[in-house]
Amino acid sequence: MPPTSVGLLVGLIIVSTSCIGATALSVKKSQNSQIASITEDNDNLTDEKTALIRKLKAIESELSQKRDALILTEKMASLGQMSAGIAHEINNPVGFMMSNLCTLKEYIFFLDQLTKQLLDLMGSLSKSEKLNHEEILVSIEKTLKIEDLDFVLSDANSLVDESITGGTRIKEITNSMKGYVRETTEESVVLVNDLIEQTLNIVWNQIKYSCTLEKQLNHCDQVKLSPSAFNQVLLNIMVNASHAMDGKAGTLRITTFNDNNMVITEIADSGCGISKGNIKKIFDPFFTTKPVGQGTGLGMSISYEIIKGFGGKIDVSSEVDVGTTFRISLPKYVSED
């Protein structure tokens, strides 16, 4: 009822909800707009996240490919350095095998001639004991004067033995090469002592002129790793050791042993040693103290990553003018059965 004074209308109070409704609508529209903006931002972030994940995977794949390429490059460089030595190691046994076999061929020819003469004698005696008997005996005696039958037979055995030894050596070298160039990702349960012998078969011709080898390969537990990758680590360390001892009669000492749950391989040289400043950078990619063109600086960096990938570690200690020791620690293999 409108306010009145003594029955007179003095004013009207009008209450309207339209203003409140407009404000609420405006707020609601603003909220909806914010929600839409947030939703759009969230969708954009999701798209960006998806794109970043995709990009990260692409980068990881590229890095993996580059790492594999670096490993292959280092391996090919190592193989190139080893090729002359390997050819020498193969040619030496092949050379004396061929020489021995040629001599053996001459001996066989002599024995063949003697056998024919003896057969002739036997055939002659069966027909007539006296017919041509003296002539054939003279022929046999003449042949025996030219060649010492006892010596020929004895030397023939020695030649055959040497040929077998040479063939065995060739087989050892080629088998070691197969192990070195096999796919690096293929893992198997092995003994580090066997891999050390394989690597020595490959690298020995290069290092034997700069050092004396001392081996103390004790009985060790098995490990699970890629044989060719581990061979590459051993080769890198051994070649570096030979370079460190170049120009002086040094000693390369290789020792293996068990240490609790780890299998330890120590490779020590009596070379020039590494300064404290350089030893901190020895596992850095592309770090090398060799002249330009004589080293990629990747060998030790790749070796570090390879051992790390096996769940192990590689440490180095050195003293200038005394020598360097690399210590490779690998977890022993535990069967899942």
C-alpha atoms as a PDB file:
ATOM      1  CA  MET A   1       0.000   0.000   0.000  1.00  0.00           C
ATOM      2  CA  PRO A   2       1.475   3.429  -0.934  1.00  0.00           C
ATOM      3  CA  PRO A   3       2.527   5.702   1.963  1.00  0.00           C
ATOM      4  CA  THR A   4      -0.172   8.257   2.883  1.00  0.00           C
ATOM      5  CA  SER A   5      -0.492  11.202   5.218  1.00  0.00           C
ATOM      6  CA  VAL A   6      -3.964  11.997   6.405  1.00  0.00           C
ATOM      7  CA  GLY A   7      -5.321  10.156   3.496  1.00  0.00           C
ATOM      8  CA  LEU A   8      -3.134  11.889   0.957  1.00  0.00           C
ATOM      9  CA  LEU A   9      -0.715  10.093  -1.434  1.00  0.00           C
ATOM     10  CA  VAL A  10       2.760  11.431  -0.790  1.00  0.00           C
ATOM     11  CA  GLY A  11       4.916   9.062  -2.914  1.00  0.00           C
ATOM     12  CA  LEU A  12       5.575   5.676  -4.440  1.00  0.00           C
ATOM     13  CA  ILE A  13       8.403   3.242  -3.759  1.00  0.00           C
ATOM     14  CA  ILE A  14       9.112   1.117  -6.786  1.00  0.00           C
ATOM     15  CA  VAL A  15      11.279  -2.006  -6.360  1.00  0.00           C
ATOM     16  CA  SER A  16      12.637  -3.511  -9.550  1.00  0.00           C
ATOM     17  CA  THR A  17      14.784  -6.690  -9.987  1.00  0.00           C
ATOM     18  CA  SER A  18      15.893  -5.783 -13.488  1.00  0.00           C
ATOM     19  CA  CYS A  19      19.175  -4.166 -12.351  1.00  0.00           C
ATOM     20  CA  ILE A  20      20.113  -7.131 -10.198  1.00  0.00           C
ATOM     21  CA  GLY A  21      19.215  -9.482 -13.024  1.00  0.00           C
ATOM     22  CA  ALA A  22      21.361  -7.544 -15.481  1.00  0.00           C
ATOM     23  CA  THR A  23      24.330  -7.598 -13.124  1.00  0.00           C
ATOM     24  CA  ALA A  24      23.978 -11.309 -12.510  1.00  0.00           C
ATOM     25  CA  LEU A  25      23.713 -11.905 -16.213  1.00  0.00           C
ATOM     26  CA  SER A  26      26.824  -9.808 -16.818  1.00  0.00           C
ATOM     27  CA  VAL A  27      28.724 -11.714 -14.137  1.00  0.00           C
ATOM     28  CA  LYS A  28      27.554 -14.997 -15.554  1.00  0.00           C
ATOM     29  CA  LYS A  29      28.609 -13.960 -19.036  1.00  0.00           C
ATOM     30  CA  SER A  30      31.994 -12.898 -17.680  1.00  0.00           C
ATOM     31  CA  GLN A  31      32.384 -16.197 -15.861  1.00  0.00           C
ATOM     32  CA  ASN A  32      31.406 -18.126 -18.960  1.00  0.00           C
ATOM     33  CA  SER A  33      33.884 -16.087 -20.958  1.00  0.00           C
ATOM     34  CA  GLN A  34      36.609 -16.780 -18.407  1.00  0.00           C
ATOM     35  CA  ILE A  35      35.734 -20.471 -18.354  1.00  0.00           C
ATOM     36  CA  ALA A  36      35.823 -20.556 -22.138  1.00  0.00           C
ATOM     37  CA  SER A  37      39.165 -18.731 -22.104  1.00  0.00           C
ATOM     38  CA  ILE A  38      40.553 -21.096 -19.476  1.00  0.00           C
ATOM     39  CA  THR A  39      39.243 -24.081 -21.417  1.00  0.00           C
ATOM     40  CA  GLU A  40      40.845 -22.727 -24.574  1.00  0.00           C
ATOM     41  CA  ASP A  41      44.099 -22.062 -22.723  1.00  0.00           C
ATOM     42  CA  ASN A  42      43.967 -25.565 -21.266  1.00  0.00           C
ATOM     43  CA  ASP A  43      43.375 -27.028 -24.717  1.00  0.00           C
ATOM     44  CA  ASN A  44      46.266 -24.968 -26.034  1.00  0.00           C
ATOM     45  CA  LEU A  45      48.491 -26.138 -23.167  1.00  0.00           C
ATOM     46  CA  THR A  46      47.461 -29.726 -23.848  1.00  0.00           C
ATOM     47  CA  ASP A  47      48.329 -29.271 -27.515  1.00  0.00           C
ATOM     48  CA  GLU A  48      51.616 -27.624 -26.587  1.00  0.00           C
ATOM     49  CA  LYS A  49      52.358 -30.422 -24.111  1.00  0.00           C
ATOM     50  CA  THR A  50      51.605 -33.028 -26.762  1.00  0.00           C
ATOM     51  CA  ALA A  51      53.799 -31.166 -29.231  1.00  0.00           C
ATOM     52  CA  LEU A  52      56.609 -30.872 -26.672  1.00  0.00           C
ATOM     53  CA  ILE A  53      56.381 -34.581 -25.833  1.00  0.00           C
ATOM     54  CA  ARG A  54      56.478 -35.396 -29.532  1.00  0.00           C
ATOM     55  CA  LYS A  55      59.433 -33.051 -29.994  1.00  0.00           C
ATOM     56  CA  LEU A  56      61.201 -34.524 -26.958  1.00  0.00           C
ATOM     57  CA  LYS A  57      60.753 -38.040 -28.310  1.00  0.00           C
ATOM     58  CA  ALA A  58      62.103 -36.880 -31.656  1.00  0.00           C
ATOM     59  CA  ILE A  59      65.109 -35.304 -29.926  1.00  0.00           C
ATOM     60  CA  GLU A  60      65.689 -38.469 -27.874  1.00  0.00           C
ATOM     61  CA  SER A  61      65.492 -40.550 -31.032  1.00  0.00           C
ATOM     62  CA  GLU A  62      67.893 -38.196 -32.796  1.00  0.00           C
ATOM     63  CA  LEU A  63      70.303 -38.263 -29.854  1.00  0.00           C
ATOM     64  CA  SER A  64      70.125 -42.045 -29.780  1.00  0.00           C
ATOM     65  CA  GLN A  65      70.865 -42.182 -33.500  1.00  0.00           C
ATOM     66  CA  LYS A  66      73.747 -39.744 -33.097  1.00  0.00           C
ATOM     67  CA  ARG A  67      75.109 -41.768 -30.187  1.00  0.00           C
ATOM     68  CA  ASP A  68      74.931 -44.932 -32.286  1.00  0.00           C
ATOM     69  CA  ALA A  69      76.580 -43.043 -35.130  1.00  0.00           C
ATOM     70  CA  LEU A  70      79.361 -41.856 -32.812  1.00  0.00           C
ATOM     71  CA  ILE A  71      79.896 -45.387 -31.546  1.00  0.00           C
ATOM     72  CA  LEU A  72      80.022 -46.652 -35.119  1.00  0.00           C
ATOM     73  CA  THR A  73      82.375 -43.826 -36.114  1.00  0.00           C
ATOM     74  CA  GLU A  74      84.700 -44.580 -33.226  1.00  0.00           C
ATOM     75  CA  LYS A  75      84.542 -48.279 -33.989  1.00  0.00           C
ATOM     76  CA  MET A  76      85.370 -47.699 -37.637  1.00  0.00           C
ATOM     77  CA  ALA A  77      88.228 -45.407 -36.622  1.00  0.00           C
ATOM     78  CA  SER A  78      89.528 -48.087 -34.274  1.00  0.00           C
ATOM     79  CA  LEU A  79      89.166 -50.731 -36.967  1.00  0.00           C
ATOM     80  CA  GLY A  80      91.050 -48.501 -39.360  1.00  0.00           C
ATOM     81  CA  GLN A  81      93.899 -48.153 -36.883  1.00  0.00           C
ATOM     82  CA  MET A  82      93.898 -51.889 -36.289  1.00  0.00           C
ATOM     83  CA  SER A  83      93.704 -52.926 -39.949  1.00  0.00           C
ATOM     84  CA  ALA A  84      97.460 -52.788 -40.567  1.00  0.00           C
ATOM     85  CA  GLY A  85      98.201 -54.713 -37.403  1.00  0.00           C
ATOM     86  CA  ILE A  86      95.530 -57.283 -38.139  1.00  0.00           C
ATOM     87  CA  ALA A  87      96.856 -57.786 -41.657  1.00  0.00           C
ATOM     88  CA  HIS A  88     100.327 -58.299 -40.191  1.00  0.00           C
ATOM     89  CA  GLU A  89      99.040 -60.786 -37.629  1.00  0.00           C
ATOM     90  CA  ILE A  90      97.212 -62.740 -40.327  1.00  0.00           C
ATOM     91  CA  ASN A  91      99.971 -62.572 -42.925  1.00  0.00           C
ATOM     92  CA  ASN A  92     102.651 -63.910 -40.582  1.00  0.00           C
ATOM     93  CA  PRO A  93     101.024 -67.300 -39.904  1.00  0.00           C
ATOM     94  CA  VAL A  94      99.738 -67.528 -43.471  1.00  0.00           C
ATOM     95  CA  GLY A  95     103.261 -66.827 -44.735  1.00  0.00           C
ATOM     96  CA  PHE A  96     104.964 -69.653 -42.906  1.00  0.00           C
ATOM     97  CA  MET A  97     102.017 -71.944 -43.583  1.00  0.00           C
ATOM     98  CA  MET A  98     102.449 -71.431 -47.327  1.00  0.00           C
ATOM     99  CA  SER A  99     106.222 -71.847 -47.095  1.00  0.00           C
ATOM    100  CA  ASN A 100     105.857 -75.033 -45.088  1.00  0.00           C
ATOM    101  CA  LEU A 101     103.207 -76.425 -47.384  1.00  0.00           C
ATOM    102  CA  CYS A 102     105.398 -75.795 -50.432  1.00  0.00           C
ATOM    103  CA  THR A 103     108.272 -77.651 -48.787  1.00  0.00           C
ATOM    104  CA  LEU A 104     105.888 -80.395 -47.757  1.00  0.00           C
ATOM    105  CA  LYS A 105     104.767 -80.694 -51.378  1.00  0.00           C
ATOM    106  CA  GLU A 106     108.377 -81.337 -52.429  1.00  0.00           C
ATOM    107  CA  TYR A 107     108.735 -83.957 -49.703  1.00  0.00           C
ATOM    108  CA  ILE A 108     105.555 -85.644 -50.793  1.00  0.00           C
ATOM    109  CA  PHE A 109     106.842 -85.738 -54.365  1.00  0.00           C
ATOM    110  CA  PHE A 110     110.043 -87.415 -53.138  1.00  0.00           C
ATOM    111  CA  LEU A 111     108.091 -89.962 -51.094  1.00  0.00           C
ATOM    112  CA  ASP A 112     105.886 -90.636 -54.079  1.00  0.00           C
ATOM    113  CA  GLN A 113     108.906 -91.328 -56.278  1.00  0.00           C
ATOM    114  CA  LEU A 114     110.414 -93.605 -53.646  1.00  0.00           C
ATOM    115  CA  THR A 115     107.146 -95.466 -53.240  1.00  0.00           C
ATOM    116  CA  LYS A 116     106.906 -96.065 -56.968  1.00  0.00           C
ATOM    117  CA  GLN A 117     110.449 -97.398 -57.042  1.00  0.00           C
ATOM    118  CA  LEU A 118     109.756 -99.741 -54.141  1.00  0.00           C
ATOM    119  CA  LEU A 119     106.600-100.932 -55.853  1.00  0.00           C
ATOM    120  CA  ASP A 120     108.610-101.542 -58.974  1.00  0.00           C
ATOM    121  CA  LEU A 121     111.054-103.580 -56.927  1.00  0.00           C
ATOM    122  CA  MET A 122     108.262-105.615 -55.407  1.00  0.00           C
ATOM    123  CA  GLY A 123     106.731-106.211 -58.777  1.00  0.00           C
ATOM    124  CA  SER A 124     110.066-107.192 -60.208  1.00  0.00           C
ATOM    125  CA  LEU A 125     110.838-109.642 -57.424  1.00  0.00           C
ATOM    126  CA  SER A 126     107.531-111.334 -57.859  1.00  0.00           C
ATOM    127  CA  LYS A 127     108.298-112.104 -61.473  1.00  0.00           C
ATOM    128  CA  SER A 128     111.908-112.888 -61.258  1.00  0.00           C
ATOM    129  CA  GLU A 129     114.115-112.396 -58.193  1.00  0.00           C
ATOM    130  CA  LYS A 130     117.085-111.493 -60.223  1.00  0.00           C
ATOM    131  CA  LEU A 131     115.589-109.683 -63.179  1.00  0.00           C
ATOM    132  CA  ASN A 132     116.558-106.030 -62.853  1.00  0.00           C
ATOM    133  CA  HIS A 133     116.991-106.569 -59.090  1.00  0.00           C
ATOM    134  CA  GLU A 134     120.365-104.892 -58.857  1.00  0.00           C
ATOM    135  CA  GLU A 135     119.314-101.988 -61.081  1.00  0.00           C
ATOM    136  CA  ILE A 136     116.275-101.142 -58.971  1.00  0.00           C
ATOM    137  CA  LEU A 137     118.251-101.327 -55.716  1.00  0.00           C
ATOM    138  CA  VAL A 138     120.832 -98.959 -57.140  1.00  0.00           C
ATOM    139  CA  SER A 139     118.031 -96.578 -58.097  1.00  0.00           C
ATOM    140  CA  ILE A 140     116.619 -96.702 -54.568  1.00  0.00           C
ATOM    141  CA  GLU A 141     120.021 -96.102 -53.007  1.00  0.00           C
ATOM    142  CA  LYS A 142     120.578 -93.154 -55.309  1.00  0.00           C
ATOM    143  CA  THR A 143     117.271 -91.607 -54.284  1.00  0.00           C
ATOM    144  CA  LEU A 144     118.026 -92.115 -50.604  1.00  0.00           C
ATOM    145  CA  LYS A 145     121.376 -90.387 -51.027  1.00  0.00           C
ATOM    146  CA  ILE A 146     119.648 -87.349 -52.491  1.00  0.00           C
ATOM    147  CA  GLU A 147     117.109 -87.145 -49.653  1.00  0.00           C
ATOM    148  CA  ASP A 148     117.436 -88.339 -46.049  1.00  0.00           C
ATOM    149  CA  LEU A 149     114.243 -90.351 -45.598  1.00  0.00           C
ATOM    150  CA  ASP A 150     114.303 -90.238 -41.796  1.00  0.00           C
ATOM    151  CA  PHE A 151     114.783 -86.465 -41.803  1.00  0.00           C
ATOM    152  CA  VAL A 152     112.080 -85.962 -44.410  1.00  0.00           C
ATOM    153  CA  LEU A 153     109.532 -87.944 -42.434  1.00  0.00           C
ATOM    154  CA  SER A 154     110.441 -86.159 -39.189  1.00  0.00           C
ATOM    155  CA  ASP A 155     110.458 -82.701 -40.728  1.00  0.00           C
ATOM    156  CA  ALA A 156     107.180 -83.383 -42.506  1.00  0.00           C
ATOM    157  CA  ASN A 157     105.524 -83.906 -39.134  1.00  0.00           C
ATOM    158  CA  SER A 158     106.996 -80.662 -37.807  1.00  0.00           C
ATOM    159  CA  LEU A 159     105.811 -78.755 -40.852  1.00  0.00           C
ATOM    160  CA  VAL A 160     102.316 -80.108 -40.470  1.00  0.00           C
ATOM    161  CA  ASP A 161     102.292 -79.183 -36.777  1.00  0.00           C
ATOM    162  CA  GLU A 162     103.419 -75.634 -37.547  1.00  0.00           C
ATOM    163  CA  SER A 163     100.767 -75.337 -40.231  1.00  0.00           C
ATOM    164  CA  ILE A 164      98.089 -76.427 -37.793  1.00  0.00           C
ATOM    165  CA  THR A 165      99.365 -73.901 -35.241  1.00  0.00           C
ATOM    166  CA  GLY A 166      99.240 -71.162 -37.864  1.00  0.00           C
ATOM    167  CA  GLY A 167      95.723 -72.123 -38.864  1.00  0.00           C
ATOM    168  CA  THR A 168      94.650 -72.058 -35.229  1.00  0.00           C
ATOM    169  CA  ARG A 169      96.118 -68.575 -34.850  1.00  0.00           C
ATOM    170  CA  ILE A 170      94.211 -67.349 -37.890  1.00  0.00           C
ATOM    171  CA  LYS A 171      91.020 -68.788 -36.461  1.00  0.00           C
ATOM    172  CA  GLU A 172      91.597 -67.025 -33.133  1.00  0.00           C
ATOM    173  CA  ILE A 173      92.142 -63.681 -34.846  1.00  0.00           C
ATOM    174  CA  THR A 174      89.123 -63.956 -37.132  1.00  0.00           C
ATOM    175  CA  ASN A 175      86.908 -65.103 -34.249  1.00  0.00           C
ATOM    176  CA  SER A 176      88.066 -62.116 -32.224  1.00  0.00           C
ATOM    177  CA  MET A 177      87.250 -59.827 -35.137  1.00  0.00           C
ATOM    178  CA  LYS A 178      83.765 -61.318 -35.373  1.00  0.00           C
ATOM    179  CA  GLY A 179      83.244 -60.600 -31.700  1.00  0.00           C
ATOM    180  CA  TYR A 180      84.468 -57.033 -32.116  1.00  0.00           C
ATOM    181  CA  VAL A 181      82.222 -56.083 -35.024  1.00  0.00           C
ATOM    182  CA  ARG A 182      79.080 -57.906 -33.831  1.00  0.00           C
ATOM    183  CA  GLU A 183      75.973 -55.774 -33.170  1.00  0.00           C
ATOM    184  CA  THR A 184      76.740 -53.596 -30.129  1.00  0.00           C
ATOM    185  CA  THR A 185      73.265 -53.907 -28.567  1.00  0.00           C
ATOM    186  CA  GLU A 186      73.302 -57.714 -28.422  1.00  0.00           C
ATOM    187  CA  GLU A 187      73.882 -58.711 -24.803  1.00  0.00           C
ATOM    188  CA  SER A 188      74.914 -62.112 -23.497  1.00  0.00           C
ATOM    189  CA  VAL A 189      76.287 -63.710 -20.335  1.00  0.00           C
ATOM    190  CA  VAL A 190      80.074 -63.891 -20.646  1.00  0.00           C
ATOM    191  CA  LEU A 191      83.380 -63.996 -18.791  1.00  0.00           C
ATOM    192  CA  VAL A 192      85.482 -60.831 -18.942  1.00  0.00           C
ATOM    193  CA  ASN A 193      88.659 -62.939 -19.169  1.00  0.00           C
ATOM    194  CA  ASP A 194      87.503 -64.366 -22.512  1.00  0.00           C
ATOM    195  CA  LEU A 195      86.795 -60.879 -23.870  1.00  0.00           C
ATOM    196  CA  ILE A 196      90.205 -59.650 -22.723  1.00  0.00           C
ATOM    197  CA  GLU A 197      91.886 -62.477 -24.651  1.00  0.00           C
ATOM    198  CA  GLN A 198      89.776 -61.646 -27.724  1.00  0.00           C
ATOM    199  CA  THR A 199      90.797 -57.994 -27.600  1.00  0.00           C
ATOM    200  CA  LEU A 200      94.466 -58.864 -27.097  1.00  0.00           C
ATOM    201  CA  ASN A 201      94.304 -61.028 -30.230  1.00  0.00           C
ATOM    202  CA  ILE A 202      93.191 -57.961 -32.173  1.00  0.00           C
ATOM    203  CA  VAL A 203      95.356 -55.260 -30.639  1.00  0.00           C
ATOM    204  CA  TRP A 204      98.536 -57.138 -29.733  1.00  0.00           C
ATOM    205  CA  ASN A 205     100.471 -56.358 -32.906  1.00  0.00           C
ATOM    206  CA  GLN A 206     100.049 -52.636 -32.251  1.00  0.00           C
ATOM    207  CA  ILE A 207     100.993 -52.643 -28.582  1.00  0.00           C
ATOM    208  CA  LYS A 208     103.644 -55.372 -28.406  1.00  0.00           C
ATOM    209  CA  TYR A 209     106.422 -53.053 -29.614  1.00  0.00           C
ATOM    210  CA  SER A 210     105.867 -50.518 -26.827  1.00  0.00           C
ATOM    211  CA  CYS A 211     105.311 -52.691 -23.779  1.00  0.00           C
ATOM    212  CA  THR A 212     105.633 -55.976 -21.962  1.00  0.00           C
ATOM    213  CA  LEU A 213     102.338 -57.646 -21.136  1.00  0.00           C
ATOM    214  CA  GLU A 214     101.566 -58.939 -17.656  1.00  0.00           C
ATOM    215  CA  LYS A 215      98.278 -60.781 -17.106  1.00  0.00           C
ATOM    216  CA  GLN A 216      96.696 -61.924 -13.883  1.00  0.00           C
ATOM    217  CA  LEU A 217      93.273 -63.115 -14.968  1.00  0.00           C
ATOM    218  CA  ASN A 218      91.733 -64.672 -11.892  1.00  0.00           C
ATOM    219  CA  HIS A 219      88.540 -66.699 -11.817  1.00  0.00           C
ATOM    220  CA  CYS A 220      85.649 -64.228 -12.016  1.00  0.00           C
ATOM    221  CA  ASP A 221      81.867 -64.343 -11.959  1.00  0.00           C
ATOM    222  CA  GLN A 222      79.939 -63.981 -15.189  1.00  0.00           C
ATOM    223  CA  VAL A 223      78.604 -60.629 -16.353  1.00  0.00           C
ATOM    224  CA  LYS A 224      75.840 -59.694 -18.781  1.00  0.00           C
ATOM    225  CA  LEU A 225      76.779 -57.198 -21.460  1.00  0.00           C
ATOM    226  CA  SER A 226      77.389 -56.632 -25.143  1.00  0.00           C
ATOM    227  CA  PRO A 227      80.690 -58.416 -25.901  1.00  0.00           C
ATOM    228  CA  SER A 228      81.566 -56.194 -28.860  1.00  0.00           C
ATOM    229  CA  ALA A 229      80.871 -53.000 -26.905  1.00  0.00           C
ATOM    230  CA  PHE A 230      83.021 -54.181 -23.985  1.00  0.00           C
ATOM    231  CA  ASN A 231      85.748 -55.223 -26.430  1.00  0.00           C
ATOM    232  CA  GLN A 232      85.681 -51.680 -27.767  1.00  0.00           C
ATOM    233  CA  VAL A 233      86.192 -50.272 -24.261  1.00  0.00           C
ATOM    234  CA  LEU A 234      89.135 -52.616 -23.671  1.00  0.00           C
ATOM    235  CA  LEU A 235      90.645 -51.760 -27.043  1.00  0.00           C
ATOM    236  CA  ASN A 236      90.363 -48.004 -26.413  1.00  0.00           C
ATOM    237  CA  ILE A 237      92.123 -48.304 -23.058  1.00  0.00           C
ATOM    238  CA  MET A 238      94.847 -50.663 -24.330  1.00  0.00           C
ATOM    239  CA  VAL A 239      95.646 -48.513 -27.363  1.00  0.00           C
ATOM    240  CA  ASN A 240      95.785 -45.363 -25.227  1.00  0.00           C
ATOM    241  CA  ALA A 241      98.104 -47.195 -22.836  1.00  0.00           C
ATOM    242  CA  SER A 242     100.442 -48.180 -25.670  1.00  0.00           C
ATOM    243  CA  HIS A 243     100.529 -44.565 -26.874  1.00  0.00           C
ATOM    244  CA  ALA A 244     101.354 -43.415 -23.339  1.00  0.00           C
ATOM    245  CA  MET A 245     104.330 -45.802 -23.281  1.00  0.00           C
ATOM    246  CA  ASP A 246     105.507 -45.017 -26.811  1.00  0.00           C
ATOM    247  CA  GLY A 247     109.253 -44.533 -26.916  1.00  0.00           C
ATOM    248  CA  LYS A 248     110.062 -46.396 -23.736  1.00  0.00           C
ATOM    249  CA  ALA A 249     109.939 -50.010 -22.618  1.00  0.00           C
ATOM    250  CA  GLY A 250     106.798 -49.983 -20.521  1.00  0.00           C
ATOM    251  CA  THR A 251     104.577 -52.556 -18.878  1.00  0.00           C
ATOM    252  CA  LEU A 252     100.901 -53.176 -19.510  1.00  0.00           C
ATOM    253  CA  ARG A 253      99.354 -55.040 -16.594  1.00  0.00           C
ATOM    254  CA  ILE A 254      95.842 -56.509 -16.830  1.00  0.00           C
ATOM    255  CA  THR A 255      94.203 -57.883 -13.695  1.00  0.00           C
ATOM    256  CA  THR A 256      90.729 -59.296 -13.058  1.00  0.00           C
ATOM    257  CA  PHE A 257      89.086 -60.345  -9.806  1.00  0.00           C
ATOM    258  CA  ASN A 258      85.800 -60.464  -7.897  1.00  0.00           C
ATOM    259  CA  ASP A 259      84.996 -57.758  -5.350  1.00  0.00           C
ATOM    260  CA  ASN A 260      81.781 -58.639  -3.489  1.00  0.00           C
ATOM    261  CA  ASN A 261      79.035 -58.387  -6.130  1.00  0.00           C
ATOM    262  CA  MET A 262      81.246 -56.711  -8.712  1.00  0.00           C
ATOM    263  CA  VAL A 263      83.688 -58.028 -11.304  1.00  0.00           C
ATOM    264  CA  ILE A 264      86.755 -55.808 -11.541  1.00  0.00           C
ATOM    265  CA  THR A 265      89.034 -55.310 -14.540  1.00  0.00           C
ATOM    266  CA  GLU A 266      92.135 -53.194 -13.994  1.00  0.00           C
ATOM    267  CA  ILE A 267      94.333 -52.068 -16.882  1.00  0.00           C
ATOM    268  CA  ALA A 268      97.503 -50.315 -15.740  1.00  0.00           C
ATOM    269  CA  ASP A 269     100.374 -48.886 -17.756  1.00  0.00           C
ATOM    270  CA  SER A 270     103.747 -47.446 -16.813  1.00  0.00           C
ATOM    271  CA  GLY A 271     103.463 -44.630 -19.317  1.00  0.00           C
ATOM    272  CA  CYS A 272     103.701 -40.857 -19.133  1.00  0.00           C
ATOM    273  CA  GLY A 273     100.651 -40.462 -16.900  1.00  0.00           C
ATOM    274  CA  ILE A 274      97.879 -37.844 -16.991  1.00  0.00           C
ATOM    275  CA  SER A 275      97.953 -34.442 -15.303  1.00  0.00           C
ATOM    276  CA  LYS A 276      95.359 -33.584 -12.641  1.00  0.00           C
ATOM    277  CA  GLY A 277      93.849 -30.970 -14.922  1.00  0.00           C
ATOM    278  CA  ASN A 278      93.390 -33.388 -17.809  1.00  0.00           C
ATOM    279  CA  ILE A 279      92.215 -36.347 -15.740  1.00  0.00           C
ATOM    280  CA  LYS A 280      89.104 -34.353 -14.771  1.00  0.00           C
ATOM    281  CA  LYS A 281      88.206 -34.032 -18.450  1.00  0.00           C
ATOM    282  CA  ILE A 282      89.240 -37.471 -19.668  1.00  0.00           C
ATOM    283  CA  PHE A 283      85.651 -38.695 -20.082  1.00  0.00           C
ATOM    284  CA  ASP A 284      84.419 -35.465 -21.716  1.00  0.00           C
ATOM    285  CA  PRO A 285      83.351 -35.807 -25.379  1.00  0.00           C
ATOM    286  CA  PHE A 286      85.963 -34.622 -27.892  1.00  0.00           C
ATOM    287  CA  PHE A 287      88.662 -34.152 -25.246  1.00  0.00           C
ATOM    288  CA  THR A 288      92.046 -35.318 -26.483  1.00  0.00           C
ATOM    289  CA  THR A 289      95.682 -34.432 -25.936  1.00  0.00           C
ATOM    290  CA  LYS A 290      96.716 -35.987 -29.233  1.00  0.00           C
ATOM    291  CA  PRO A 291      97.694 -33.865 -32.250  1.00  0.00           C
ATOM    292  CA  VAL A 292      94.984 -32.922 -34.737  1.00  0.00           C
ATOM    293  CA  GLY A 293      94.084 -35.869 -36.940  1.00  0.00           C
ATOM    294  CA  GLN A 294      95.405 -38.483 -34.532  1.00  0.00           C
ATOM    295  CA  GLY A 295      92.397 -38.782 -32.241  1.00  0.00           C
ATOM    296  CA  THR A 296      88.662 -38.058 -32.219  1.00  0.00           C
ATOM    297  CA  GLY A 297      88.415 -37.447 -28.490  1.00  0.00           C
ATOM    298  CA  LEU A 298      85.433 -39.793 -28.347  1.00  0.00           C
ATOM    299  CA  GLY A 299      87.021 -43.068 -27.286  1.00  0.00           C
ATOM    300  CA  MET A 300      86.970 -42.567 -23.519  1.00  0.00           C
ATOM    301  CA  SER A 301      83.652 -40.701 -23.549  1.00  0.00           C
ATOM    302  CA  ILE A 302      81.981 -43.558 -25.397  1.00  0.00           C
ATOM    303  CA  SER A 303      83.709 -46.088 -23.144  1.00  0.00           C
ATOM    304  CA  TYR A 304      82.301 -44.316 -20.087  1.00  0.00           C
ATOM    305  CA  GLU A 305      78.754 -44.398 -21.497  1.00  0.00           C
ATOM    306  CA  ILE A 306      79.080 -48.056 -22.503  1.00  0.00           C
ATOM    307  CA  ILE A 307      80.151 -49.163 -19.022  1.00  0.00           C
ATOM    308  CA  LYS A 308      77.472 -46.964 -17.440  1.00  0.00           C
ATOM    309  CA  GLY A 309      74.895 -48.639 -19.684  1.00  0.00           C
ATOM    310  CA  PHE A 310      75.942 -52.022 -18.274  1.00  0.00           C
ATOM    311  CA  GLY A 311      75.202 -50.788 -14.752  1.00  0.00           C
ATOM    312  CA  GLY A 312      78.889 -50.443 -13.983  1.00  0.00           C
ATOM    313  CA  LYS A 313      81.414 -47.656 -13.616  1.00  0.00           C
ATOM    314  CA  ILE A 314      84.874 -46.806 -14.848  1.00  0.00           C
ATOM    315  CA  ASP A 315      87.426 -44.946 -12.727  1.00  0.00           C
ATOM    316  CA  VAL A 316      90.888 -43.694 -13.533  1.00  0.00           C
ATOM    317  CA  SER A 317      93.887 -42.826 -11.396  1.00  0.00           C
ATOM    318  CA  SER A 318      97.158 -41.481 -12.708  1.00  0.00           C
ATOM    319  CA  GLU A 319     100.467 -39.921 -11.785  1.00  0.00           C
ATOM    320  CA  VAL A 320     102.619 -38.022 -14.242  1.00  0.00           C
ATOM    321  CA  ASP A 321     105.736 -39.982 -15.302  1.00  0.00           C
ATOM    322  CA  VAL A 322     104.546 -43.011 -13.309  1.00  0.00           C
ATOM    323  CA  GLY A 323     101.529 -44.382 -15.135  1.00  0.00           C
ATOM    324  CA  THR A 324      97.759 -44.695 -15.351  1.00  0.00           C
ATOM    325  CA  THR A 325      95.274 -47.274 -14.100  1.00  0.00           C
ATOM    326  CA  PHE A 326      91.742 -47.743 -15.405  1.00  0.00           C
ATOM    327  CA  ARG A 327      89.396 -49.699 -13.152  1.00  0.00           C
ATOM    328  CA  ILE A 328      86.207 -51.114 -14.675  1.00  0.00           C
ATOM    329  CA  SER A 329      83.577 -52.363 -12.212  1.00  0.00           C
ATOM    330  CA  LEU A 330      80.704 -54.473 -13.543  1.00  0.00           C
ATOM    331  CA  PRO A 331      77.854 -56.103 -11.608  1.00  0.00           C
ATOM    332  CA  LYS A 332      78.068 -59.869 -11.575  1.00  0.00           C
ATOM    333  CA  TYR A 333      75.299 -61.696 -13.413  1.00  0.00           C
ATOM    334  CA  VAL A 334      72.530 -63.124 -11.246  1.00  0.00           C
ATOM    335  CA  SER A 335      70.232 -65.641 -12.910  1.00  0.00           C
ATOM    336  CA  GLU A 336      66.542 -64.744 -12.877  1.00  0.00           C
ATOM    337  CA  ASP A 337      65.574 -68.382 -12.236  1.00  0.00           C
END
